[in-house]
Amino acid sequence: NGGMMPDNVGPTGKIGEQRDGQAWGGAWGWDCGRAGAGDLLMGSLCVAGECAQLLTGDDGYLDLLRSQLVLLIDQAVTEEGELRVPHRFGRDGWTDFKPMKIRDLAHLWHASMQQADYDLITHIRDGTKSVDWNQAQSGSDKGAGESERARFQYYDGVNPNWPEEMMRAEYDCVTRHLQAMREDPRDLETRADNAFWPPNPCISKGLIEVTMGTPQNIYRGGLLRARVRYFDRDRGRPGLPPDVAALVFSIEADSTGVHLVNLSNTERRRVIVQAGAFAEHEVKAVGYSVQTRENLGPNPATWQRQEWPLSEDSARVDESHFAVNLPPSTSIKLDIKVRRFANRPTYAFPWHGARPPIPFL
């Protein structure tokens, strides 16, 4: 098929068995009029590659997705000074040329951290004229909005205000959904019967991207691809403790930069930082810098006139997680050195040991 992944297979395993040998034309496949060039198919390849990599640590499984993205890019044309790739394949060959979406490219680079996949994204970026790559976009958690462009720009060092702008966009989206819910004139029965796309103010995309350093998980089966995951040590539950803010400010193949802030002026917070959503990565060591009041003297009135010094240190870990103690009003930046996909993935929390306590297993 010229390198094109078939979108339909017959009952006996033959490609195009129900379509006279035609490799395209399956439901939600290459000729899908709604989403275009294999949106569901591409998402499936992405999820399959990510899950296989998660279970085996083998980056080679990502070639399945990469080959199809390169196939589209190879068919690109330049129209009105802009690089456009085909979004459909049918009887007339490649059609529906538009700027390339970023979702699958972002997932590919996040999974591989290879220079070649980074170059694919910059190639598309350099050829895009009609889209502002720095604009933070919100949308429903299903995947609406191309928020990965602005996120990529931030980690590429050219969009420094992205975290704040993404949180602002998410907040605006939440308020719009809440307003729609309040102003909905329908009764409950009518609303349940015909609300195919009901308002949903529970939007987590921006929080996931900013605090966990990962693309939004792919709708229809995609697992969360977190660089880091947090647990509240004192409450014994997943998630950040109260008053604790987190930002993943840098991503490299062998390191992750995380900034934690305890916003409480009175309470100490303790947070566990885990490498990967499923503890699949190993933390080799953590370097950290801490703002401290040491040597500032006993009189707080003088603190405003002095620079708060930063202390630098590091700690060996060699585990999938580590604990951070945050006194009141503490800010700490972590340089987490990791060995990616070194561990067998697990749903167990750090205090569960070898396996999660699921009673029905």
Protein backbone atom coordinates (compact mmCIF):
# COMPACT_ATOMS: atom_id res chain seq x y z
CA ASN A 1 0.00 0.00 0.00
CA GLY A 2 2.95 2.33 -0.47
CA GLY A 3 3.57 2.23 3.27
CA MET A 4 -0.02 3.14 4.22
CA MET A 5 -1.54 1.25 7.14
CA PRO A 6 -4.76 -0.51 6.03
CA ASP A 7 -7.90 0.67 7.78
CA ASN A 8 -9.94 -2.51 7.26
CA VAL A 9 -9.25 -6.23 7.67
CA GLY A 10 -11.69 -9.05 6.92
CA PRO A 11 -12.93 -11.92 9.14
CA THR A 12 -10.09 -14.23 8.03
CA GLY A 13 -7.41 -11.59 8.52
CA LYS A 14 -7.06 -10.50 4.90
CA ILE A 15 -6.59 -6.81 4.15
CA GLY A 16 -9.61 -5.38 2.33
CA GLU A 17 -11.37 -8.76 2.36
CA GLN A 18 -14.81 -7.14 2.38
CA ARG A 19 -13.78 -4.33 0.00
CA ASP A 20 -12.38 -6.22 -3.01
CA GLY A 21 -8.85 -5.94 -1.68
CA GLN A 22 -9.07 -2.19 -1.10
CA ALA A 23 -6.95 -1.22 1.90
CA TRP A 24 -8.80 2.00 2.66
CA GLY A 25 -12.45 2.88 3.28
CA GLY A 26 -13.12 1.28 6.66
CA ALA A 27 -15.20 3.03 9.29
CA TRP A 28 -13.33 6.04 10.73
CA GLY A 29 -10.42 5.20 8.43
CA TRP A 30 -8.47 7.10 5.79
CA ASP A 31 -11.58 8.31 3.95
CA CYS A 32 -13.52 9.38 7.02
CA GLY A 33 -15.28 12.61 6.17
CA ARG A 34 -15.64 13.80 9.75
CA ALA A 35 -12.17 13.57 11.25
CA GLY A 36 -9.98 13.02 8.21
CA ALA A 37 -6.86 10.96 7.56
CA GLY A 38 -7.18 8.25 10.08
CA ASP A 39 -7.91 10.30 13.21
CA LEU A 40 -9.21 7.22 14.96
CA LEU A 41 -6.71 5.01 13.16
CA MET A 42 -3.79 7.29 14.07
CA GLY A 43 -4.97 7.45 17.67
CA SER A 44 -5.12 3.67 17.78
CA LEU A 45 -1.56 3.37 16.46
CA CYS A 46 -0.42 5.92 19.01
CA VAL A 47 -2.08 4.12 21.93
CA ALA A 48 -0.76 0.76 20.74
CA GLY A 49 2.80 2.02 20.42
CA GLU A 50 2.74 3.79 23.78
CA CYS A 51 1.32 0.76 25.62
CA ALA A 52 3.81 -1.63 24.01
CA GLN A 53 6.65 0.70 24.95
CA LEU A 54 5.29 1.00 28.49
CA LEU A 55 5.19 -2.78 28.95
CA THR A 56 8.50 -3.63 27.30
CA GLY A 57 10.63 -0.48 27.37
CA ASP A 58 11.25 -1.02 23.63
CA ASP A 59 11.12 2.22 21.63
CA GLY A 60 10.90 0.22 18.41
CA TYR A 61 7.13 -0.13 18.80
CA LEU A 62 6.83 3.60 18.11
CA ASP A 63 7.91 2.99 14.50
CA LEU A 64 4.34 1.93 13.73
CA LEU A 65 3.02 5.43 14.47
CA ARG A 66 6.10 7.23 13.19
CA SER A 67 5.88 5.56 9.77
CA GLN A 68 2.35 6.85 9.21
CA LEU A 69 3.16 10.40 10.30
CA VAL A 70 6.18 10.46 7.98
CA LEU A 71 3.94 9.09 5.21
CA LEU A 72 1.61 12.08 5.56
CA ILE A 73 4.48 14.56 5.74
CA ASP A 74 6.01 13.05 2.60
CA GLN A 75 2.77 13.81 0.74
CA ALA A 76 2.73 17.45 1.90
CA VAL A 77 2.33 20.34 -0.52
CA THR A 78 2.96 24.06 -0.15
CA GLU A 79 -0.13 26.17 -0.73
CA GLU A 80 -0.25 29.94 -0.16
CA GLY A 81 3.19 29.69 1.42
CA GLU A 82 2.06 27.10 3.98
CA LEU A 83 2.96 23.44 4.39
CA ARG A 84 -0.20 21.31 4.25
CA VAL A 85 -0.60 17.55 4.59
CA PRO A 86 -3.45 15.37 3.30
CA HIS A 87 -6.22 14.55 5.74
CA ARG A 88 -8.03 11.98 3.60
CA PHE A 89 -7.25 9.18 1.16
CA GLY A 90 -9.90 7.91 -1.28
CA ARG A 91 -10.48 7.01 -4.89
CA ASP A 92 -8.72 10.16 -6.01
CA GLY A 93 -5.68 9.49 -3.81
CA TRP A 94 -4.57 11.98 -1.19
CA THR A 95 -6.96 14.90 -0.70
CA ASP A 96 -8.12 17.50 1.85
CA PHE A 97 -4.77 19.24 2.39
CA LYS A 98 -4.61 21.28 5.61
CA PRO A 99 -2.06 22.20 8.29
CA MET A 100 -1.00 19.09 10.19
CA LYS A 101 -2.42 18.42 13.63
CA ILE A 102 0.05 18.19 16.49
CA ARG A 103 -1.51 15.56 18.77
CA ASP A 104 0.17 12.43 17.44
CA LEU A 105 3.50 14.13 16.77
CA ALA A 106 3.50 15.44 20.35
CA HIS A 107 2.82 11.97 21.74
CA LEU A 108 5.51 10.46 19.55
CA TRP A 109 8.19 12.91 20.71
CA HIS A 110 7.11 12.62 24.35
CA ALA A 111 7.40 8.83 24.16
CA SER A 112 10.70 8.65 22.27
CA MET A 113 12.51 11.90 23.20
CA GLN A 114 14.49 11.39 19.99
CA GLN A 115 15.94 14.25 18.00
CA ALA A 116 14.39 12.93 14.76
CA ASP A 117 10.87 13.19 16.21
CA TYR A 118 11.60 16.65 17.57
CA ASP A 119 12.72 17.62 14.06
CA LEU A 120 9.42 16.38 12.61
CA ILE A 121 7.56 18.82 14.85
CA THR A 122 9.82 21.76 14.05
CA HIS A 123 9.50 20.95 10.34
CA ILE A 124 5.71 21.24 10.61
CA ARG A 125 6.01 24.34 12.80
CA ASP A 126 8.31 26.12 10.36
CA GLY A 127 5.86 25.45 7.54
CA THR A 128 2.74 26.60 9.40
CA LYS A 129 1.53 30.15 8.72
CA SER A 130 -2.19 30.17 9.59
CA VAL A 131 -1.89 28.91 13.19
CA ASP A 132 -0.38 30.70 16.20
CA TRP A 133 1.76 28.05 17.89
CA ASN A 134 2.11 30.14 21.06
CA GLN A 135 -1.63 30.44 21.71
CA ALA A 136 -2.83 28.38 24.67
CA GLN A 137 -6.05 26.60 23.72
CA SER A 138 -8.50 24.92 26.03
CA GLY A 139 -11.36 22.57 25.24
CA SER A 140 -13.11 19.51 26.56
CA ASP A 141 -10.95 16.70 27.95
CA LYS A 142 -11.88 14.49 25.00
CA GLY A 143 -9.15 16.16 23.01
CA ALA A 144 -10.76 19.28 21.57
CA GLY A 145 -8.27 22.05 20.89
CA GLU A 146 -4.69 21.79 19.73
CA SER A 147 -3.09 22.67 23.07
CA GLU A 148 0.10 20.72 22.37
CA ARG A 149 1.49 23.39 20.05
CA ALA A 150 1.83 25.98 22.80
CA ARG A 151 3.12 23.35 25.21
CA PHE A 152 5.83 22.30 22.76
CA GLN A 153 6.83 25.94 22.32
CA TYR A 154 7.25 26.33 26.08
CA TYR A 155 9.60 23.37 26.38
CA ASP A 156 11.42 24.58 23.28
CA GLY A 157 12.18 27.82 25.13
CA VAL A 158 10.11 30.24 23.03
CA ASN A 159 6.80 30.51 24.91
CA PRO A 160 7.66 31.34 28.55
CA ASN A 161 4.15 32.48 29.57
CA TRP A 162 2.43 29.25 28.51
CA PRO A 163 1.76 27.82 32.02
CA GLU A 164 -0.13 30.91 33.17
CA GLU A 165 -1.94 31.35 29.86
CA MET A 166 -2.97 27.70 29.79
CA MET A 167 -4.40 27.90 33.30
CA ARG A 168 -6.26 31.08 32.36
CA ALA A 169 -7.70 29.42 29.25
CA GLU A 170 -8.81 26.41 31.30
CA TYR A 171 -10.45 28.63 33.90
CA ASP A 172 -12.35 30.55 31.22
CA CYS A 173 -13.52 27.25 29.71
CA VAL A 174 -14.74 26.01 33.11
CA THR A 175 -16.72 29.20 33.73
CA ARG A 176 -18.35 28.95 30.28
CA HIS A 177 -19.47 25.38 30.98
CA LEU A 178 -20.83 26.37 34.39
CA GLN A 179 -22.72 29.29 32.85
CA ALA A 180 -24.25 26.99 30.23
CA MET A 181 -25.37 24.61 32.99
CA ARG A 182 -26.96 27.41 35.03
CA GLU A 183 -28.78 28.88 32.03
CA ASP A 184 -30.00 25.58 30.56
CA PRO A 185 -33.83 25.98 30.33
CA ARG A 186 -34.59 22.27 29.78
CA ASP A 187 -35.99 19.97 32.43
CA LEU A 188 -33.90 17.00 33.58
CA GLU A 189 -35.69 14.45 31.41
CA THR A 190 -35.30 16.48 28.23
CA ARG A 191 -31.70 17.30 29.06
CA ALA A 192 -30.79 13.65 29.56
CA ASP A 193 -32.59 12.66 26.36
CA ASN A 194 -30.97 15.03 23.89
CA ALA A 195 -27.79 16.42 25.46
CA PHE A 196 -25.34 14.57 23.25
CA TRP A 197 -22.59 17.00 24.25
CA PRO A 198 -23.56 18.12 27.77
CA PRO A 199 -21.59 20.90 29.49
CA ASN A 200 -18.77 19.46 31.60
CA PRO A 201 -16.86 21.81 33.93
CA CYS A 202 -14.45 19.06 35.05
CA ILE A 203 -11.56 19.97 32.75
CA SER A 204 -8.11 18.60 33.56
CA LYS A 205 -6.13 18.99 30.32
CA GLY A 206 -4.16 22.08 31.35
CA LEU A 207 -3.51 20.80 34.85
CA ILE A 208 -2.17 17.53 33.44
CA GLU A 209 0.07 19.30 30.93
CA VAL A 210 1.44 21.89 33.36
CA THR A 211 1.90 19.81 36.52
CA MET A 212 2.75 16.38 35.08
CA GLY A 213 4.72 17.34 31.98
CA THR A 214 2.77 15.26 29.50
CA PRO A 215 0.36 15.52 26.58
CA GLN A 216 -3.32 15.01 27.27
CA ASN A 217 -4.11 11.29 27.10
CA ILE A 218 -5.68 10.23 23.81
CA TYR A 219 -9.44 9.85 23.77
CA ARG A 220 -10.60 6.26 23.17
CA GLY A 221 -8.21 4.21 25.25
CA GLY A 222 -5.08 6.28 25.74
CA LEU A 223 -3.26 5.96 29.06
CA LEU A 224 -1.85 8.92 30.95
CA ARG A 225 1.78 9.54 29.92
CA ALA A 226 3.04 11.44 32.97
CA ARG A 227 6.69 12.36 33.41
CA VAL A 228 5.91 12.73 37.12
CA ARG A 229 3.00 11.84 39.36
CA TYR A 230 2.29 13.17 42.85
CA PHE A 231 0.99 11.68 46.09
CA ASP A 232 -0.07 13.34 49.34
CA ARG A 233 2.11 11.62 51.92
CA ASP A 234 0.15 12.83 54.95
CA ARG A 235 -3.33 12.01 53.61
CA GLY A 236 -2.22 8.78 51.94
CA ARG A 237 -3.88 9.50 48.60
CA PRO A 238 -2.93 10.35 45.00
CA GLY A 239 -2.58 13.96 43.95
CA LEU A 240 -0.87 17.07 45.22
CA PRO A 241 -1.36 18.01 48.89
CA PRO A 242 -3.46 21.06 49.69
CA ASP A 243 -1.72 24.41 48.98
CA VAL A 244 1.01 22.78 46.86
CA ALA A 245 1.55 24.05 43.32
CA ALA A 246 3.61 22.15 40.75
CA LEU A 247 5.13 22.97 37.37
CA VAL A 248 7.17 20.73 35.09
CA PHE A 249 9.45 23.40 33.63
CA SER A 250 11.84 21.27 31.58
CA ILE A 251 11.82 17.91 29.82
CA GLU A 252 14.87 16.09 28.51
CA ALA A 253 15.52 12.47 27.59
CA ASP A 254 17.27 11.79 30.91
CA SER A 255 15.89 14.49 33.20
CA THR A 256 12.75 16.30 34.30
CA GLY A 257 12.64 19.72 35.94
CA VAL A 258 9.91 20.21 38.55
CA HIS A 259 9.12 23.33 40.59
CA LEU A 260 7.12 22.80 43.80
CA VAL A 261 5.73 25.60 45.97
CA ASN A 262 3.98 25.33 49.33
CA LEU A 263 1.57 28.27 49.32
CA SER A 264 0.57 27.79 52.95
CA ASN A 265 2.16 30.23 55.41
CA THR A 266 1.48 27.97 58.38
CA GLU A 267 1.32 24.29 57.38
CA ARG A 268 4.07 21.89 56.39
CA ARG A 269 3.26 19.72 53.36
CA ARG A 270 4.87 16.44 52.32
CA VAL A 271 4.60 15.26 48.73
CA ILE A 272 5.81 12.08 47.06
CA VAL A 273 7.08 12.54 43.50
CA GLN A 274 6.91 9.43 41.30
CA ALA A 275 8.61 9.03 37.94
CA GLY A 276 5.87 8.09 35.49
CA ALA A 277 2.14 7.52 35.89
CA PHE A 278 2.81 3.82 36.52
CA ALA A 279 6.22 4.09 38.22
CA GLU A 280 7.72 2.94 34.92
CA HIS A 281 10.76 5.22 35.19
CA GLU A 282 13.61 5.06 37.69
CA VAL A 283 14.88 8.15 39.50
CA LYS A 284 18.65 7.94 39.66
CA ALA A 285 19.28 11.17 41.55
CA VAL A 286 17.66 14.51 42.36
CA GLY A 287 19.42 17.84 42.33
CA TYR A 288 17.62 20.67 44.04
CA SER A 289 17.83 24.34 44.89
CA VAL A 290 15.92 25.78 47.83
CA GLN A 291 15.11 29.31 48.86
CA THR A 292 16.06 29.60 52.51
CA ARG A 293 15.93 32.25 55.25
CA GLU A 294 19.26 31.15 56.71
CA ASN A 295 21.76 33.96 57.37
CA LEU A 296 19.08 36.61 56.88
CA GLY A 297 19.07 37.48 60.56
CA PRO A 298 16.28 37.32 63.16
CA ASN A 299 14.49 40.51 62.10
CA PRO A 300 12.01 39.81 59.28
CA ALA A 301 11.79 43.53 58.52
CA THR A 302 15.25 43.30 56.92
CA TRP A 303 14.34 40.35 54.67
CA GLN A 304 12.65 42.59 52.11
CA ARG A 305 15.93 44.40 51.50
CA GLN A 306 18.02 41.27 50.93
CA GLU A 307 18.22 38.55 48.32
CA TRP A 308 17.08 35.20 49.60
CA PRO A 309 19.98 32.86 48.90
CA LEU A 310 19.58 29.57 47.08
CA SER A 311 21.21 26.45 48.48
CA GLU A 312 22.23 23.72 46.02
CA ASP A 313 22.41 20.03 46.86
CA SER A 314 21.64 16.57 45.46
CA ALA A 315 20.47 13.18 46.68
CA ARG A 316 20.84 9.65 45.33
CA VAL A 317 17.50 7.85 44.89
CA ASP A 318 17.62 4.71 42.69
CA GLU A 319 13.87 4.19 43.15
CA SER A 320 10.72 5.04 41.24
CA HIS A 321 9.78 7.78 43.72
CA PHE A 322 11.06 10.07 46.46
CA ALA A 323 9.57 12.32 49.15
CA VAL A 324 9.85 16.10 49.41
CA ASN A 325 9.33 17.93 52.70
CA LEU A 326 7.90 21.42 52.16
CA PRO A 327 7.92 23.73 55.20
CA PRO A 328 5.52 26.71 55.09
CA SER A 329 6.20 29.19 52.26
CA THR A 330 8.81 26.95 50.67
CA SER A 331 9.81 26.93 47.02
CA ILE A 332 12.01 24.17 45.62
CA LYS A 333 13.23 23.33 42.13
CA LEU A 334 14.09 19.72 41.36
CA ASP A 335 16.37 18.38 38.63
CA ILE A 336 15.26 14.75 38.45
CA LYS A 337 17.69 12.42 36.67
CA VAL A 338 15.78 9.45 35.28
CA ARG A 339 16.24 6.18 33.47
CA ARG A 340 13.11 5.93 31.36
CA PHE A 341 11.04 2.72 31.15
CA ALA A 342 13.38 0.90 33.53
CA ASN A 343 10.62 -0.58 35.71
CA ARG A 344 7.67 -2.89 35.26
CA PRO A 345 4.60 -0.61 35.22
CA THR A 346 2.23 -0.93 38.15
CA TYR A 347 -0.96 0.58 39.53
CA ALA A 348 0.46 0.26 43.06
CA PHE A 349 0.95 3.45 45.03
CA PRO A 350 4.36 4.02 46.65
CA TRP A 351 3.16 2.61 49.99
CA HIS A 352 1.50 -0.50 48.48
CA GLY A 353 4.68 -2.45 47.91
CA ALA A 354 4.80 -4.94 45.03
CA ARG A 355 1.13 -4.83 44.05
CA PRO A 356 -1.99 -2.75 44.66
CA PRO A 357 -4.44 -4.04 47.29
CA ILE A 358 -7.28 -5.00 44.95
CA PRO A 359 -9.54 -7.48 46.80
CA PHE A 360 -11.17 -9.09 43.77
CA LEU A 361 -7.92 -10.21 42.12
